[in-house]
Amino acid sequence: MIMLVHTVRARRSSDDFPRAEHLAAKIAEVAADPVAVEPETVDVVEPAEQRRFLSAVDSLAGLEAGALDSLNVVVDPRVLDSAPAIPPGIFR
């Protein structure tokens, strides 16, 4: 397995920087990557949620600043309940 690391840095909303460096553009790049999906992740995000996310990705070029400020992926609670426990990290 090869992992591609995307570097994104925080910027002021008043900064002007290339769209390719926007977080949304990085997410779109990952979403459009034609890699095989691991079998254990297939049912994590329901099809309706996948379509909602991909619709947002498709419209990135025409979105205004802040249009995705509340785009959060919704995961089926049953999937989360059966997920392995992760030890506390730096954000807990």
PDB file of N, CA and C in Angstrom:
ATOM      1  N   MET A   1       0.840  -1.171   0.000  1.00  0.00           N
ATOM      2  CA  MET A   1       0.000   0.000   0.000  1.00  0.00           C
ATOM      3  C   MET A   1       0.888   1.238   0.000  1.00  0.00           C
ATOM      4  N   ILE A   2       0.539   2.201  -0.828  1.00  0.00           N
ATOM      5  CA  ILE A   2       1.258   3.472  -0.890  1.00  0.00           C
ATOM      6  C   ILE A   2       0.346   4.556  -0.356  1.00  0.00           C
ATOM      7  N   MET A   3       0.875   5.394   0.509  1.00  0.00           N
ATOM      8  CA  MET A   3       0.095   6.486   1.053  1.00  0.00           C
ATOM      9  C   MET A   3       0.662   7.804   0.546  1.00  0.00           C
ATOM     10  N   LEU A   4      -0.211   8.644   0.035  1.00  0.00           N
ATOM     11  CA  LEU A   4       0.178   9.964  -0.433  1.00  0.00           C
ATOM     12  C   LEU A   4      -0.181  10.961   0.654  1.00  0.00           C
ATOM     13  N   VAL A   5       0.767  11.731   1.090  1.00  0.00           N
ATOM     14  CA  VAL A   5       0.546  12.720   2.142  1.00  0.00           C
ATOM     15  C   VAL A   5       0.262  14.068   1.501  1.00  0.00           C
ATOM     16  N   HIS A   6      -0.855  14.677   1.879  1.00  0.00           N
ATOM     17  CA  HIS A   6      -1.223  16.002   1.391  1.00  0.00           C
ATOM     18  C   HIS A   6      -0.936  17.007   2.497  1.00  0.00           C
ATOM     19  N   THR A   7      -0.140  17.993   2.210  1.00  0.00           N
ATOM     20  CA  THR A   7       0.188  19.018   3.197  1.00  0.00           C
ATOM     21  C   THR A   7      -0.739  20.210   2.998  1.00  0.00           C
ATOM     22  N   VAL A   8      -1.409  20.604   4.069  1.00  0.00           N
ATOM     23  CA  VAL A   8      -2.312  21.751   4.039  1.00  0.00           C
ATOM     24  C   VAL A   8      -1.940  22.630   5.214  1.00  0.00           C
ATOM     25  N   ARG A   9      -1.834  23.926   4.976  1.00  0.00           N
ATOM     26  CA  ARG A   9      -1.503  24.812   6.081  1.00  0.00           C
ATOM     27  C   ARG A   9      -2.637  25.795   6.306  1.00  0.00           C
ATOM     28  N   ALA A  10      -2.769  26.251   7.517  1.00  0.00           N
ATOM     29  CA  ALA A  10      -3.808  27.226   7.854  1.00  0.00           C
ATOM     30  C   ALA A  10      -3.441  28.584   7.272  1.00  0.00           C
ATOM     31  N   ARG A  11      -4.452  29.282   6.785  1.00  0.00           N
ATOM     32  CA  ARG A  11      -4.252  30.624   6.225  1.00  0.00           C
ATOM     33  C   ARG A  11      -5.406  31.515   6.660  1.00  0.00           C
ATOM     34  N   ARG A  12      -5.170  32.813   6.623  1.00  0.00           N
ATOM     35  CA  ARG A  12      -6.245  33.765   6.880  1.00  0.00           C
ATOM     36  C   ARG A  12      -7.191  33.746   5.692  1.00  0.00           C
ATOM     37  N   SER A  13      -8.480  33.975   5.944  1.00  0.00           N
ATOM     38  CA  SER A  13      -9.440  33.967   4.842  1.00  0.00           C
ATOM     39  C   SER A  13      -9.155  35.084   3.846  1.00  0.00           C
ATOM     40  N   SER A  14      -8.438  36.112   4.263  1.00  0.00           N
ATOM     41  CA  SER A  14      -8.114  37.218   3.360  1.00  0.00           C
ATOM     42  C   SER A  14      -6.909  36.919   2.468  1.00  0.00           C
ATOM     43  N   ASP A  15      -6.182  35.826   2.760  1.00  0.00           N
ATOM     44  CA  ASP A  15      -5.029  35.458   1.932  1.00  0.00           C
ATOM     45  C   ASP A  15      -5.483  34.997   0.549  1.00  0.00           C
ATOM     46  N   ASP A  16      -4.703  35.347  -0.442  1.00  0.00           N
ATOM     47  CA  ASP A  16      -4.964  34.897  -1.803  1.00  0.00           C
ATOM     48  C   ASP A  16      -3.917  33.836  -2.124  1.00  0.00           C
ATOM     49  N   PHE A  17      -4.374  32.610  -2.381  1.00  0.00           N
ATOM     50  CA  PHE A  17      -3.440  31.535  -2.700  1.00  0.00           C
ATOM     51  C   PHE A  17      -4.084  30.613  -3.728  1.00  0.00           C
ATOM     52  N   PRO A  18      -3.285  29.852  -4.459  1.00  0.00           N
ATOM     53  CA  PRO A  18      -3.810  29.018  -5.541  1.00  0.00           C
ATOM     54  C   PRO A  18      -4.881  28.034  -5.064  1.00  0.00           C
ATOM     55  N   ARG A  19      -5.918  27.868  -5.868  1.00  0.00           N
ATOM     56  CA  ARG A  19      -7.014  26.964  -5.507  1.00  0.00           C
ATOM     57  C   ARG A  19      -6.499  25.552  -5.223  1.00  0.00           C
ATOM     58  N   ALA A  20      -5.457  25.124  -5.906  1.00  0.00           N
ATOM     59  CA  ALA A  20      -4.906  23.777  -5.694  1.00  0.00           C
ATOM     60  C   ALA A  20      -4.394  23.587  -4.277  1.00  0.00           C
ATOM     61  N   GLU A  21      -4.135  24.679  -3.565  1.00  0.00           N
ATOM     62  CA  GLU A  21      -3.660  24.585  -2.184  1.00  0.00           C
ATOM     63  C   GLU A  21      -4.792  24.671  -1.166  1.00  0.00           C
ATOM     64  N   HIS A  22      -6.028  24.873  -1.622  1.00  0.00           N
ATOM     65  CA  HIS A  22      -7.177  24.916  -0.711  1.00  0.00           C
ATOM     66  C   HIS A  22      -7.454  23.513  -0.177  1.00  0.00           C
ATOM     67  N   LEU A  23      -7.922  23.419   1.050  1.00  0.00           N
ATOM     68  CA  LEU A  23      -8.256  22.130   1.644  1.00  0.00           C
ATOM     69  C   LEU A  23      -9.286  21.402   0.787  1.00  0.00           C
ATOM     70  N   ALA A  24     -10.286  22.121   0.302  1.00  0.00           N
ATOM     71  CA  ALA A  24     -11.324  21.492  -0.522  1.00  0.00           C
ATOM     72  C   ALA A  24     -10.728  20.870  -1.779  1.00  0.00           C
ATOM     73  N   ALA A  25      -9.745  21.511  -2.379  1.00  0.00           N
ATOM     74  CA  ALA A  25      -9.107  20.960  -3.577  1.00  0.00           C
ATOM     75  C   ALA A  25      -8.329  19.693  -3.234  1.00  0.00           C
ATOM     76  N   LYS A  26      -7.699  19.683  -2.073  1.00  0.00           N
ATOM     77  CA  LYS A  26      -6.969  18.479  -1.646  1.00  0.00           C
ATOM     78  C   LYS A  26      -7.943  17.328  -1.415  1.00  0.00           C
ATOM     79  N   ILE A  27      -9.101  17.634  -0.782  1.00  0.00           N
ATOM     80  CA  ILE A  27     -10.118  16.603  -0.538  1.00  0.00           C
ATOM     81  C   ILE A  27     -10.640  16.073  -1.870  1.00  0.00           C
ATOM     82  N   ALA A  28     -10.873  16.980  -2.813  1.00  0.00           N
ATOM     83  CA  ALA A  28     -11.358  16.564  -4.133  1.00  0.00           C
ATOM     84  C   ALA A  28     -10.357  15.655  -4.819  1.00  0.00           C
ATOM     85  N   GLU A  29      -9.086  15.969  -4.681  1.00  0.00           N
ATOM     86  CA  GLU A  29      -8.037  15.137  -5.291  1.00  0.00           C
ATOM     87  C   GLU A  29      -8.070  13.728  -4.720  1.00  0.00           C
ATOM     88  N   VAL A  30      -8.237  13.623  -3.420  1.00  0.00           N
ATOM     89  CA  VAL A  30      -8.310  12.312  -2.774  1.00  0.00           C
ATOM     90  C   VAL A  30      -9.584  11.583  -3.213  1.00  0.00           C
ATOM     91  N   ALA A  31     -10.710  12.307  -3.229  1.00  0.00           N
ATOM     92  CA  ALA A  31     -11.986  11.689  -3.600  1.00  0.00           C
ATOM     93  C   ALA A  31     -11.983  11.182  -5.039  1.00  0.00           C
ATOM     94  N   ALA A  32     -11.253  11.851  -5.905  1.00  0.00           N
ATOM     95  CA  ALA A  32     -11.226  11.469  -7.319  1.00  0.00           C
ATOM     96  C   ALA A  32     -10.191  10.390  -7.629  1.00  0.00           C
ATOM     97  N   ASP A  33      -9.381  10.027  -6.649  1.00  0.00           N
ATOM     98  CA  ASP A  33      -8.341   9.029  -6.860  1.00  0.00           C
ATOM     99  C   ASP A  33      -8.984   7.656  -7.083  1.00  0.00           C
ATOM    100  N   PRO A  34      -8.716   7.020  -8.219  1.00  0.00           N
ATOM    101  CA  PRO A  34      -9.391   5.760  -8.553  1.00  0.00           C
ATOM    102  C   PRO A  34      -8.777   4.523  -7.902  1.00  0.00           C
ATOM    103  N   VAL A  35      -8.495   4.571  -6.624  1.00  0.00           N
ATOM    104  CA  VAL A  35      -7.933   3.403  -5.952  1.00  0.00           C
ATOM    105  C   VAL A  35      -9.056   2.485  -5.480  1.00  0.00           C
ATOM    106  N   ALA A  36      -8.732   1.231  -5.293  1.00  0.00           N
ATOM    107  CA  ALA A  36      -9.714   0.275  -4.796  1.00  0.00           C
ATOM    108  C   ALA A  36     -10.063   0.610  -3.346  1.00  0.00           C
ATOM    109  N   VAL A  37     -11.314   0.382  -3.005  1.00  0.00           N
ATOM    110  CA  VAL A  37     -11.781   0.637  -1.645  1.00  0.00           C
ATOM    111  C   VAL A  37     -11.572  -0.631  -0.824  1.00  0.00           C
ATOM    112  N   GLU A  38     -11.003  -0.458   0.356  1.00  0.00           N
ATOM    113  CA  GLU A  38     -10.779  -1.610   1.235  1.00  0.00           C
ATOM    114  C   GLU A  38     -12.142  -2.204   1.632  1.00  0.00           C
ATOM    115  N   PRO A  39     -12.302  -3.525   1.594  1.00  0.00           N
ATOM    116  CA  PRO A  39     -13.600  -4.148   1.884  1.00  0.00           C
ATOM    117  C   PRO A  39     -14.207  -3.731   3.227  1.00  0.00           C
ATOM    118  N   GLU A  40     -13.371  -3.544   4.240  1.00  0.00           N
ATOM    119  CA  GLU A  40     -13.911  -3.196   5.561  1.00  0.00           C
ATOM    120  C   GLU A  40     -14.408  -1.756   5.642  1.00  0.00           C
ATOM    121  N   THR A  41     -14.144  -0.950   4.619  1.00  0.00           N
ATOM    122  CA  THR A  41     -14.601   0.443   4.639  1.00  0.00           C
ATOM    123  C   THR A  41     -15.792   0.698   3.722  1.00  0.00           C
ATOM    124  N   VAL A  42     -16.218  -0.302   2.972  1.00  0.00           N
ATOM    125  CA  VAL A  42     -17.272  -0.108   1.979  1.00  0.00           C
ATOM    126  C   VAL A  42     -18.556   0.437   2.588  1.00  0.00           C
ATOM    127  N   ASP A  43     -19.004  -0.090   3.707  1.00  0.00           N
ATOM    128  CA  ASP A  43     -20.285   0.304   4.288  1.00  0.00           C
ATOM    129  C   ASP A  43     -20.181   1.355   5.384  1.00  0.00           C
ATOM    130  N   VAL A  44     -19.034   1.958   5.571  1.00  0.00           N
ATOM    131  CA  VAL A  44     -18.861   2.937   6.644  1.00  0.00           C
ATOM    132  C   VAL A  44     -19.704   4.183   6.384  1.00  0.00           C
ATOM    133  N   VAL A  45     -19.670   4.687   5.180  1.00  0.00           N
ATOM    134  CA  VAL A  45     -20.439   5.877   4.831  1.00  0.00           C
ATOM    135  C   VAL A  45     -21.543   5.443   3.861  1.00  0.00           C
ATOM    136  N   GLU A  46     -22.778   5.743   4.237  1.00  0.00           N
ATOM    137  CA  GLU A  46     -23.919   5.305   3.436  1.00  0.00           C
ATOM    138  C   GLU A  46     -23.921   5.963   2.050  1.00  0.00           C
ATOM    139  N   PRO A  47     -24.509   5.299   1.061  1.00  0.00           N
ATOM    140  CA  PRO A  47     -24.521   5.823  -0.309  1.00  0.00           C
ATOM    141  C   PRO A  47     -25.067   7.251  -0.428  1.00  0.00           C
ATOM    142  N   ALA A  48     -26.120   7.588   0.298  1.00  0.00           N
ATOM    143  CA  ALA A  48     -26.678   8.948   0.220  1.00  0.00           C
ATOM    144  C   ALA A  48     -25.656   9.973   0.700  1.00  0.00           C
ATOM    145  N   GLU A  49     -24.898   9.628   1.741  1.00  0.00           N
ATOM    146  CA  GLU A  49     -23.874  10.531   2.261  1.00  0.00           C
ATOM    147  C   GLU A  49     -22.712  10.636   1.279  1.00  0.00           C
ATOM    148  N   GLN A  50     -22.370   9.533   0.626  1.00  0.00           N
ATOM    149  CA  GLN A  50     -21.325   9.559  -0.393  1.00  0.00           C
ATOM    150  C   GLN A  50     -21.735  10.479  -1.540  1.00  0.00           C
ATOM    151  N   ARG A  51     -22.997  10.373  -1.981  1.00  0.00           N
ATOM    152  CA  ARG A  51     -23.470  11.228  -3.080  1.00  0.00           C
ATOM    153  C   ARG A  51     -23.451  12.696  -2.675  1.00  0.00           C
ATOM    154  N   ARG A  52     -23.853  12.997  -1.436  1.00  0.00           N
ATOM    155  CA  ARG A  52     -23.854  14.385  -0.949  1.00  0.00           C
ATOM    156  C   ARG A  52     -22.438  14.953  -0.977  1.00  0.00           C
ATOM    157  N   PHE A  53     -21.484  14.169  -0.493  1.00  0.00           N
ATOM    158  CA  PHE A  53     -20.093  14.603  -0.471  1.00  0.00           C
ATOM    159  C   PHE A  53     -19.555  14.793  -1.889  1.00  0.00           C
ATOM    160  N   LEU A  54     -19.792  13.812  -2.765  1.00  0.00           N
ATOM    161  CA  LEU A  54     -19.275  13.900  -4.137  1.00  0.00           C
ATOM    162  C   LEU A  54     -19.932  15.048  -4.896  1.00  0.00           C
ATOM    163  N   SER A  55     -21.180  15.352  -4.591  1.00  0.00           N
ATOM    164  CA  SER A  55     -21.841  16.505  -5.201  1.00  0.00           C
ATOM    165  C   SER A  55     -21.122  17.794  -4.807  1.00  0.00           C
ATOM    166  N   ALA A  56     -20.746  17.892  -3.538  1.00  0.00           N
ATOM    167  CA  ALA A  56     -19.995  19.071  -3.081  1.00  0.00           C
ATOM    168  C   ALA A  56     -18.643  19.141  -3.778  1.00  0.00           C
ATOM    169  N   VAL A  57     -17.982  17.998  -3.927  1.00  0.00           N
ATOM    170  CA  VAL A  57     -16.683  17.967  -4.605  1.00  0.00           C
ATOM    171  C   VAL A  57     -16.833  18.407  -6.061  1.00  0.00           C
ATOM    172  N   ASP A  58     -17.886  17.926  -6.735  1.00  0.00           N
ATOM    173  CA  ASP A  58     -18.115  18.295  -8.136  1.00  0.00           C
ATOM    174  C   ASP A  58     -18.331  19.793  -8.322  1.00  0.00           C
ATOM    175  N   SER A  59     -18.859  20.458  -7.298  1.00  0.00           N
ATOM    176  CA  SER A  59     -19.171  21.880  -7.440  1.00  0.00           C
ATOM    177  C   SER A  59     -18.112  22.799  -6.824  1.00  0.00           C
ATOM    178  N   LEU A  60     -16.954  22.264  -6.482  1.00  0.00           N
ATOM    179  CA  LEU A  60     -15.920  23.063  -5.814  1.00  0.00           C
ATOM    180  C   LEU A  60     -15.516  24.307  -6.586  1.00  0.00           C
ATOM    181  N   ALA A  61     -15.403  24.195  -7.883  1.00  0.00           N
ATOM    182  CA  ALA A  61     -14.919  25.328  -8.671  1.00  0.00           C
ATOM    183  C   ALA A  61     -15.827  26.543  -8.554  1.00  0.00           C
ATOM    184  N   GLY A  62     -17.122  26.335  -8.351  1.00  0.00           N
ATOM    185  CA  GLY A  62     -18.048  27.460  -8.302  1.00  0.00           C
ATOM    186  C   GLY A  62     -18.484  27.872  -6.908  1.00  0.00           C
ATOM    187  N   LEU A  63     -17.931  27.258  -5.878  1.00  0.00           N
ATOM    188  CA  LEU A  63     -18.356  27.574  -4.513  1.00  0.00           C
ATOM    189  C   LEU A  63     -17.741  28.869  -4.013  1.00  0.00           C
ATOM    190  N   GLU A  64     -18.517  29.594  -3.229  1.00  0.00           N
ATOM    191  CA  GLU A  64     -18.030  30.802  -2.572  1.00  0.00           C
ATOM    192  C   GLU A  64     -17.218  30.409  -1.340  1.00  0.00           C
ATOM    193  N   ALA A  65     -16.406  31.328  -0.861  1.00  0.00           N
ATOM    194  CA  ALA A  65     -15.639  31.094   0.368  1.00  0.00           C
ATOM    195  C   ALA A  65     -16.608  30.780   1.500  1.00  0.00           C
ATOM    196  N   GLY A  66     -16.295  29.774   2.288  1.00  0.00           N
ATOM    197  CA  GLY A  66     -17.115  29.406   3.432  1.00  0.00           C
ATOM    198  C   GLY A  66     -18.282  28.491   3.112  1.00  0.00           C
ATOM    199  N   ALA A  67     -18.484  28.152   1.852  1.00  0.00           N
ATOM    200  CA  ALA A  67     -19.623  27.319   1.468  1.00  0.00           C
ATOM    201  C   ALA A  67     -19.553  25.916   2.068  1.00  0.00           C
ATOM    202  N   LEU A  68     -18.357  25.452   2.372  1.00  0.00           N
ATOM    203  CA  LEU A  68     -18.211  24.109   2.954  1.00  0.00           C
ATOM    204  C   LEU A  68     -17.835  24.166   4.429  1.00  0.00           C
ATOM    205  N   ASP A  69     -18.175  25.250   5.086  1.00  0.00           N
ATOM    206  CA  ASP A  69     -17.766  25.389   6.481  1.00  0.00           C
ATOM    207  C   ASP A  69     -18.423  24.378   7.405  1.00  0.00           C
ATOM    208  N   SER A  70     -19.485  23.723   6.950  1.00  0.00           N
ATOM    209  CA  SER A  70     -20.138  22.752   7.816  1.00  0.00           C
ATOM    210  C   SER A  70     -20.285  21.390   7.139  1.00  0.00           C
ATOM    211  N   LEU A  71     -19.398  21.068   6.220  1.00  0.00           N
ATOM    212  CA  LEU A  71     -19.449  19.774   5.555  1.00  0.00           C
ATOM    213  C   LEU A  71     -18.767  18.738   6.443  1.00  0.00           C
ATOM    214  N   ASN A  72     -19.570  17.930   7.071  1.00  0.00           N
ATOM    215  CA  ASN A  72     -19.080  16.863   7.935  1.00  0.00           C
ATOM    216  C   ASN A  72     -19.648  15.550   7.422  1.00  0.00           C
ATOM    217  N   VAL A  73     -18.821  14.559   7.292  1.00  0.00           N
ATOM    218  CA  VAL A  73     -19.283  13.258   6.836  1.00  0.00           C
ATOM    219  C   VAL A  73     -20.030  12.575   7.968  1.00  0.00           C
ATOM    220  N   VAL A  74     -21.219  12.053   7.666  1.00  0.00           N
ATOM    221  CA  VAL A  74     -22.037  11.354   8.652  1.00  0.00           C
ATOM    222  C   VAL A  74     -21.798   9.857   8.488  1.00  0.00           C
ATOM    223  N   VAL A  75     -21.441   9.208   9.581  1.00  0.00           N
ATOM    224  CA  VAL A  75     -21.170   7.772   9.567  1.00  0.00           C
ATOM    225  C   VAL A  75     -22.257   7.068  10.359  1.00  0.00           C
ATOM    226  N   ASP A  76     -22.702   5.943   9.862  1.00  0.00           N
ATOM    227  CA  ASP A  76     -23.720   5.141  10.526  1.00  0.00           C
ATOM    228  C   ASP A  76     -23.259   4.819  11.953  1.00  0.00           C
ATOM    229  N   PRO A  77     -24.056   5.155  12.974  1.00  0.00           N
ATOM    230  CA  PRO A  77     -23.659   4.895  14.365  1.00  0.00           C
ATOM    231  C   PRO A  77     -23.342   3.428  14.643  1.00  0.00           C
ATOM    232  N   ARG A  78     -24.001   2.508  13.937  1.00  0.00           N
ATOM    233  CA  ARG A  78     -23.707   1.079  14.142  1.00  0.00           C
ATOM    234  C   ARG A  78     -22.274   0.752  13.740  1.00  0.00           C
ATOM    235  N   VAL A  79     -21.770   1.445  12.713  1.00  0.00           N
ATOM    236  CA  VAL A  79     -20.384   1.237  12.288  1.00  0.00           C
ATOM    237  C   VAL A  79     -19.446   1.763  13.362  1.00  0.00           C
ATOM    238  N   LEU A  80     -19.760   2.938  13.899  1.00  0.00           N
ATOM    239  CA  LEU A  80     -18.907   3.515  14.945  1.00  0.00           C
ATOM    240  C   LEU A  80     -18.918   2.651  16.200  1.00  0.00           C
ATOM    241  N   ASP A  81     -20.096   2.106  16.549  1.00  0.00           N
ATOM    242  CA  ASP A  81     -20.193   1.260  17.747  1.00  0.00           C
ATOM    243  C   ASP A  81     -19.346   0.006  17.634  1.00  0.00           C
ATOM    244  N   SER A  82     -19.189  -0.500  16.412  1.00  0.00           N
ATOM    245  CA  SER A  82     -18.409  -1.730  16.239  1.00  0.00           C
ATOM    246  C   SER A  82     -16.937  -1.457  15.916  1.00  0.00           C
ATOM    247  N   ALA A  83     -16.570  -0.191  15.827  1.00  0.00           N
ATOM    248  CA  ALA A  83     -15.182   0.165  15.510  1.00  0.00           C
ATOM    249  C   ALA A  83     -14.276  -0.122  16.710  1.00  0.00           C
ATOM    250  N   PRO A  84     -13.035  -0.493  16.448  1.00  0.00           N
ATOM    251  CA  PRO A  84     -12.110  -0.739  17.560  1.00  0.00           C
ATOM    252  C   PRO A  84     -11.815   0.558  18.318  1.00  0.00           C
ATOM    253  N   ALA A  85     -11.586   0.418  19.598  1.00  0.00           N
ATOM    254  CA  ALA A  85     -11.241   1.577  20.424  1.00  0.00           C
ATOM    255  C   ALA A  85      -9.845   2.067  20.049  1.00  0.00           C
ATOM    256  N   ILE A  86      -9.707   3.367  20.008  1.00  0.00           N
ATOM    257  CA  ILE A  86      -8.417   3.973  19.697  1.00  0.00           C
ATOM    258  C   ILE A  86      -7.888   4.614  20.975  1.00  0.00           C
ATOM    259  N   PRO A  87      -6.650   4.339  21.347  1.00  0.00           N
ATOM    260  CA  PRO A  87      -6.118   4.936  22.571  1.00  0.00           C
ATOM    261  C   PRO A  87      -6.107   6.459  22.477  1.00  0.00           C
ATOM    262  N   PRO A  88      -6.245   7.127  23.611  1.00  0.00           N
ATOM    263  CA  PRO A  88      -6.227   8.594  23.600  1.00  0.00           C
ATOM    264  C   PRO A  88      -4.951   9.120  22.928  1.00  0.00           C
ATOM    265  N   GLY A  89      -5.116  10.189  22.172  1.00  0.00           N
ATOM    266  CA  GLY A  89      -3.987  10.798  21.491  1.00  0.00           C
ATOM    267  C   GLY A  89      -3.808  12.231  21.965  1.00  0.00           C
ATOM    268  N   ILE A  90      -3.186  13.035  21.151  1.00  0.00           N
ATOM    269  CA  ILE A  90      -2.888  14.398  21.569  1.00  0.00           C
ATOM    270  C   ILE A  90      -4.135  15.283  21.625  1.00  0.00           C
ATOM    271  N   PHE A  91      -5.237  14.863  20.998  1.00  0.00           N
ATOM    272  CA  PHE A  91      -6.441  15.688  20.989  1.00  0.00           C
ATOM    273  C   PHE A  91      -7.459  15.277  22.043  1.00  0.00           C
ATOM    274  N   ARG A  92      -7.109  14.396  22.938  1.00  0.00           N
ATOM    275  CA  ARG A  92      -8.033  13.963  23.994  1.00  0.00           C
ATOM    276  C   ARG A  92      -7.501  14.349  25.338  1.00  0.00           C
TER     277      ARG A  92
END
